[in-house]
Structures are given as C-alpha cells and as structure tokens.
Amino acid sequence: MSRRFIEFASSFAFIFLLAFYITRSTLWSILIAILPTWPLFVLWILCDIKNYERCKKVPKEPYIIGDSDKVEYLTHKELDEMLRKRKSGDKSINRG
C-alpha cells in the first residue's frame, strides 16, 4: 500500500466514524466523509498512476557487443533478439 492511500483511508475512516456517531446514518456519513477527503483521493489516484507508469518502464542496461567501442543501451529482451539475429547470421555465413 502506498503512503497516499494510507493518508486517504485513515482520514476518511476518522471522519466517517465521527459522522456516523453523530448522524447514525451510513449514507450521510459517507457523503460527509467524502467532502473533505476528495483531494486526498485524487492525489492518491494521480500518484499511483505515476508510480505505475514508472514501474512499467523496463530499464535499459549498457552493453558492448562484439569488438565495437560503442556502448548500446538495451533491455534484456532487445539483447536476446540481437544475439539471436547475430547467431543465425553467423551460421549462414559459416555455411556459405
């Protein structure tokens, strides 16, 4: 759980319980609790989307391939594809 979710949930729960103690109505308590906590809810949603996008990005690592002096930044998947192409290319060269 993220810190923003804990902030939202604890604030909402506190206000909800206080409103429920006063009104004895679940519906009114929810409505009363939503009014002051909606900015925390929006902040929680926006921060989690930002973190999701950051986690979705695959980090690229530096590789020097072959006798080259050039450093290439590749993901593991791109490296595997490049090595497969290179191996299949080397086999065709050796056959011919």
N, C-alpha and C. Protein backbone atom coordinates (compact mmCIF):
# COMPACT_ATOMS: atom_id res chain seq x y z
N MET A 1 0.84 -1.18 0.00
CA MET A 1 0.00 0.00 0.00
C MET A 1 0.88 1.24 0.00
N SER A 2 0.42 2.21 -0.72
CA SER A 2 1.19 3.44 -0.81
C SER A 2 0.87 4.36 0.38
N ARG A 3 1.77 5.28 0.58
CA ARG A 3 1.61 6.24 1.68
C ARG A 3 0.37 7.10 1.45
N ARG A 4 0.11 7.47 0.20
CA ARG A 4 -1.06 8.30 -0.12
C ARG A 4 -2.36 7.58 0.19
N PHE A 5 -2.40 6.28 -0.08
CA PHE A 5 -3.60 5.51 0.22
C PHE A 5 -3.84 5.48 1.73
N ILE A 6 -2.80 5.30 2.50
CA ILE A 6 -2.93 5.27 3.96
C ILE A 6 -3.43 6.62 4.49
N GLU A 7 -2.90 7.71 3.91
CA GLU A 7 -3.37 9.04 4.31
C GLU A 7 -4.86 9.21 4.01
N PHE A 8 -5.26 8.81 2.80
CA PHE A 8 -6.67 8.93 2.42
C PHE A 8 -7.56 8.05 3.29
N ALA A 9 -7.18 6.79 3.45
CA ALA A 9 -8.01 5.83 4.18
C ALA A 9 -8.15 6.21 5.65
N SER A 10 -7.06 6.64 6.27
CA SER A 10 -7.15 6.99 7.69
C SER A 10 -7.99 8.26 7.89
N SER A 11 -7.84 9.24 7.02
CA SER A 11 -8.66 10.45 7.12
C SER A 11 -10.12 10.15 6.88
N PHE A 12 -10.39 9.36 5.83
CA PHE A 12 -11.77 9.01 5.52
C PHE A 12 -12.41 8.23 6.66
N ALA A 13 -11.68 7.26 7.20
CA ALA A 13 -12.22 6.44 8.29
C ALA A 13 -12.51 7.28 9.53
N PHE A 14 -11.61 8.19 9.87
CA PHE A 14 -11.82 9.03 11.05
C PHE A 14 -13.07 9.90 10.88
N ILE A 15 -13.18 10.56 9.74
CA ILE A 15 -14.33 11.44 9.51
C ILE A 15 -15.62 10.63 9.39
N PHE A 16 -15.54 9.47 8.73
CA PHE A 16 -16.71 8.61 8.60
C PHE A 16 -17.21 8.16 9.97
N LEU A 17 -16.30 7.69 10.81
CA LEU A 17 -16.73 7.22 12.14
C LEU A 17 -17.30 8.35 12.99
N LEU A 18 -16.69 9.51 12.91
CA LEU A 18 -17.21 10.67 13.64
C LEU A 18 -18.59 11.06 13.14
N ALA A 19 -18.77 11.10 11.83
CA ALA A 19 -20.07 11.45 11.26
C ALA A 19 -21.10 10.37 11.55
N PHE A 20 -20.71 9.11 11.52
CA PHE A 20 -21.64 8.03 11.83
C PHE A 20 -22.09 8.09 13.29
N TYR A 21 -21.16 8.46 14.18
CA TYR A 21 -21.51 8.60 15.60
C TYR A 21 -22.54 9.71 15.80
N ILE A 22 -22.40 10.76 15.01
CA ILE A 22 -23.31 11.90 15.16
C ILE A 22 -24.64 11.64 14.44
N THR A 23 -24.61 11.15 13.20
CA THR A 23 -25.84 11.04 12.40
C THR A 23 -26.52 9.68 12.48
N ARG A 24 -25.79 8.63 12.79
CA ARG A 24 -26.30 7.25 12.81
C ARG A 24 -26.82 6.82 11.44
N SER A 25 -26.29 7.43 10.39
CA SER A 25 -26.68 7.08 9.03
C SER A 25 -25.42 6.81 8.21
N THR A 26 -25.38 5.64 7.61
CA THR A 26 -24.21 5.26 6.83
C THR A 26 -24.08 6.13 5.57
N LEU A 27 -25.19 6.34 4.87
CA LEU A 27 -25.16 7.13 3.65
C LEU A 27 -24.69 8.56 3.92
N TRP A 28 -25.25 9.22 4.91
CA TRP A 28 -24.84 10.59 5.24
C TRP A 28 -23.39 10.62 5.73
N SER A 29 -22.99 9.62 6.44
CA SER A 29 -21.61 9.58 6.93
C SER A 29 -20.62 9.47 5.77
N ILE A 30 -20.97 8.66 4.78
CA ILE A 30 -20.10 8.54 3.61
C ILE A 30 -20.04 9.88 2.87
N LEU A 31 -21.18 10.51 2.66
CA LEU A 31 -21.21 11.80 1.97
C LEU A 31 -20.43 12.87 2.74
N ILE A 32 -20.59 12.89 4.03
CA ILE A 32 -19.87 13.88 4.85
C ILE A 32 -18.37 13.59 4.82
N ALA A 33 -17.97 12.33 4.81
CA ALA A 33 -16.55 11.99 4.80
C ALA A 33 -15.90 12.24 3.44
N ILE A 34 -16.68 12.13 2.37
CA ILE A 34 -16.12 12.35 1.03
C ILE A 34 -15.77 13.82 0.82
N LEU A 35 -16.57 14.72 1.35
CA LEU A 35 -16.34 16.15 1.09
C LEU A 35 -14.93 16.62 1.46
N PRO A 36 -14.43 16.40 2.66
CA PRO A 36 -13.08 16.90 2.95
C PRO A 36 -11.95 15.99 2.47
N THR A 37 -12.24 14.74 2.10
CA THR A 37 -11.15 13.83 1.73
C THR A 37 -11.00 13.63 0.23
N TRP A 38 -11.83 14.23 -0.60
CA TRP A 38 -11.69 14.01 -2.04
C TRP A 38 -10.35 14.50 -2.59
N PRO A 39 -9.75 15.58 -2.08
CA PRO A 39 -8.42 15.94 -2.61
C PRO A 39 -7.37 14.85 -2.33
N LEU A 40 -7.46 14.21 -1.17
CA LEU A 40 -6.53 13.12 -0.86
C LEU A 40 -6.77 11.93 -1.78
N PHE A 41 -8.03 11.69 -2.12
CA PHE A 41 -8.37 10.61 -3.04
C PHE A 41 -7.77 10.88 -4.43
N VAL A 42 -7.92 12.10 -4.91
CA VAL A 42 -7.37 12.47 -6.22
C VAL A 42 -5.85 12.37 -6.20
N LEU A 43 -5.23 12.84 -5.13
CA LEU A 43 -3.78 12.76 -5.00
C LEU A 43 -3.31 11.31 -5.00
N TRP A 44 -4.04 10.45 -4.31
CA TRP A 44 -3.71 9.03 -4.27
C TRP A 44 -3.79 8.42 -5.67
N ILE A 45 -4.84 8.72 -6.42
CA ILE A 45 -5.01 8.18 -7.76
C ILE A 45 -3.89 8.67 -8.67
N LEU A 46 -3.59 9.97 -8.64
CA LEU A 46 -2.56 10.52 -9.51
C LEU A 46 -1.18 9.97 -9.17
N CYS A 47 -0.87 9.83 -7.91
CA CYS A 47 0.44 9.30 -7.52
C CYS A 47 0.59 7.83 -7.89
N ASP A 48 -0.46 7.06 -7.74
CA ASP A 48 -0.38 5.65 -8.10
C ASP A 48 -0.26 5.46 -9.61
N ILE A 49 -0.91 6.30 -10.39
CA ILE A 49 -0.77 6.21 -11.84
C ILE A 49 0.66 6.56 -12.23
N LYS A 50 1.22 7.59 -11.59
CA LYS A 50 2.59 7.98 -11.88
C LYS A 50 3.55 6.84 -11.53
N ASN A 51 3.36 6.23 -10.37
CA ASN A 51 4.23 5.12 -9.96
C ASN A 51 4.04 3.92 -10.88
N TYR A 52 2.82 3.69 -11.34
CA TYR A 52 2.56 2.58 -12.25
C TYR A 52 3.32 2.78 -13.56
N GLU A 53 3.28 3.99 -14.10
CA GLU A 53 4.00 4.27 -15.33
C GLU A 53 5.50 4.10 -15.13
N ARG A 54 6.01 4.52 -13.98
CA ARG A 54 7.44 4.39 -13.71
C ARG A 54 7.83 2.92 -13.58
N CYS A 55 6.98 2.12 -12.97
CA CYS A 55 7.29 0.69 -12.79
C CYS A 55 7.15 -0.07 -14.11
N LYS A 56 6.31 0.43 -15.00
CA LYS A 56 6.08 -0.24 -16.26
C LYS A 56 7.28 -0.11 -17.21
N LYS A 57 8.05 0.94 -17.07
CA LYS A 57 9.21 1.14 -17.92
C LYS A 57 10.28 0.09 -17.60
N VAL A 58 10.83 -0.50 -18.64
CA VAL A 58 11.86 -1.51 -18.46
C VAL A 58 13.22 -0.81 -18.52
N PRO A 59 14.03 -1.00 -17.50
CA PRO A 59 15.34 -0.32 -17.52
C PRO A 59 16.25 -0.89 -18.59
N LYS A 60 17.03 0.00 -19.19
CA LYS A 60 18.00 -0.42 -20.19
C LYS A 60 19.38 -0.41 -19.56
N GLU A 61 20.15 -1.41 -19.91
CA GLU A 61 21.49 -1.56 -19.35
C GLU A 61 22.52 -1.39 -20.46
N PRO A 62 23.71 -0.91 -20.11
CA PRO A 62 24.74 -0.73 -21.14
C PRO A 62 25.41 -2.05 -21.52
N TYR A 63 25.59 -2.23 -22.82
CA TYR A 63 26.28 -3.42 -23.34
C TYR A 63 27.26 -2.99 -24.42
N ILE A 64 28.39 -3.66 -24.49
CA ILE A 64 29.32 -3.51 -25.60
C ILE A 64 29.27 -4.83 -26.35
N ILE A 65 28.82 -4.78 -27.59
CA ILE A 65 28.59 -6.01 -28.34
C ILE A 65 29.71 -6.18 -29.37
N GLY A 66 30.32 -7.34 -29.35
CA GLY A 66 31.38 -7.66 -30.30
C GLY A 66 32.65 -6.88 -30.02
N ASP A 67 33.35 -6.51 -31.09
CA ASP A 67 34.61 -5.77 -30.97
C ASP A 67 34.39 -4.27 -31.02
N SER A 68 33.15 -3.85 -30.90
CA SER A 68 32.80 -2.44 -31.03
C SER A 68 33.22 -1.65 -29.80
N ASP A 69 33.51 -0.37 -30.02
CA ASP A 69 33.78 0.54 -28.90
C ASP A 69 32.51 1.27 -28.48
N LYS A 70 31.44 1.03 -29.22
CA LYS A 70 30.17 1.72 -28.98
C LYS A 70 29.38 1.02 -27.87
N VAL A 71 28.89 1.81 -26.93
CA VAL A 71 28.07 1.27 -25.85
C VAL A 71 26.61 1.40 -26.27
N GLU A 72 25.89 0.28 -26.23
CA GLU A 72 24.48 0.28 -26.59
C GLU A 72 23.65 0.01 -25.34
N TYR A 73 22.59 0.77 -25.17
CA TYR A 73 21.69 0.60 -24.04
C TYR A 73 20.50 -0.22 -24.51
N LEU A 74 20.38 -1.42 -23.97
CA LEU A 74 19.35 -2.35 -24.40
C LEU A 74 18.64 -2.96 -23.20
N THR A 75 17.39 -3.36 -23.42
CA THR A 75 16.68 -4.15 -22.41
C THR A 75 17.12 -5.60 -22.60
N HIS A 76 16.75 -6.46 -21.67
CA HIS A 76 17.12 -7.87 -21.77
C HIS A 76 16.49 -8.50 -23.01
N LYS A 77 15.26 -8.10 -23.32
CA LYS A 77 14.56 -8.65 -24.48
C LYS A 77 15.27 -8.23 -25.78
N GLU A 78 15.63 -6.95 -25.87
CA GLU A 78 16.33 -6.47 -27.06
C GLU A 78 17.69 -7.15 -27.22
N LEU A 79 18.38 -7.38 -26.11
CA LEU A 79 19.67 -8.07 -26.16
C LEU A 79 19.51 -9.49 -26.67
N ASP A 80 18.49 -10.21 -26.16
CA ASP A 80 18.25 -11.58 -26.62
C ASP A 80 17.96 -11.61 -28.11
N GLU A 81 17.12 -10.67 -28.59
CA GLU A 81 16.79 -10.63 -30.02
C GLU A 81 18.04 -10.35 -30.86
N MET A 82 18.86 -9.42 -30.40
CA MET A 82 20.07 -9.07 -31.14
C MET A 82 21.04 -10.25 -31.20
N LEU A 83 21.18 -10.96 -30.08
CA LEU A 83 22.08 -12.11 -30.05
C LEU A 83 21.55 -13.25 -30.92
N ARG A 84 20.23 -13.46 -30.95
CA ARG A 84 19.64 -14.50 -31.81
C ARG A 84 19.89 -14.17 -33.28
N LYS A 85 19.68 -12.91 -33.64
CA LYS A 85 19.92 -12.50 -35.03
C LYS A 85 21.40 -12.69 -35.39
N ARG A 86 22.24 -12.35 -34.45
CA ARG A 86 23.69 -12.46 -34.70
C ARG A 86 24.10 -13.92 -34.87
N LYS A 87 23.54 -14.80 -34.01
CA LYS A 87 23.87 -16.22 -34.11
C LYS A 87 23.36 -16.81 -35.41
N SER A 88 22.13 -16.47 -35.78
CA SER A 88 21.58 -17.01 -37.04
C SER A 88 22.35 -16.43 -38.22
N GLY A 89 22.79 -15.20 -38.15
CA GLY A 89 23.59 -14.60 -39.21
C GLY A 89 24.95 -15.24 -39.30
N ASP A 90 25.57 -15.57 -38.17
CA ASP A 90 26.88 -16.22 -38.17
C ASP A 90 26.79 -17.63 -38.77
N LYS A 91 25.71 -18.35 -38.51
CA LYS A 91 25.55 -19.70 -39.05
C LYS A 91 25.44 -19.67 -40.56
N SER A 92 24.70 -18.69 -41.07
CA SER A 92 24.54 -18.62 -42.52
C SER A 92 25.85 -18.24 -43.19
N ILE A 93 26.67 -17.43 -42.52
CA ILE A 93 27.96 -17.05 -43.07
C ILE A 93 28.89 -18.26 -43.07
N ASN A 94 28.87 -19.05 -41.99
CA ASN A 94 29.76 -20.22 -41.90
C ASN A 94 29.39 -21.27 -42.94
N ARG A 95 28.10 -21.40 -43.28
CA ARG A 95 27.67 -22.41 -44.25
C ARG A 95 28.11 -22.03 -45.67
N GLY A 96 28.07 -20.74 -45.96
CA GLY A 96 28.32 -20.30 -47.33
C GLY A 96 29.73 -20.16 -47.59
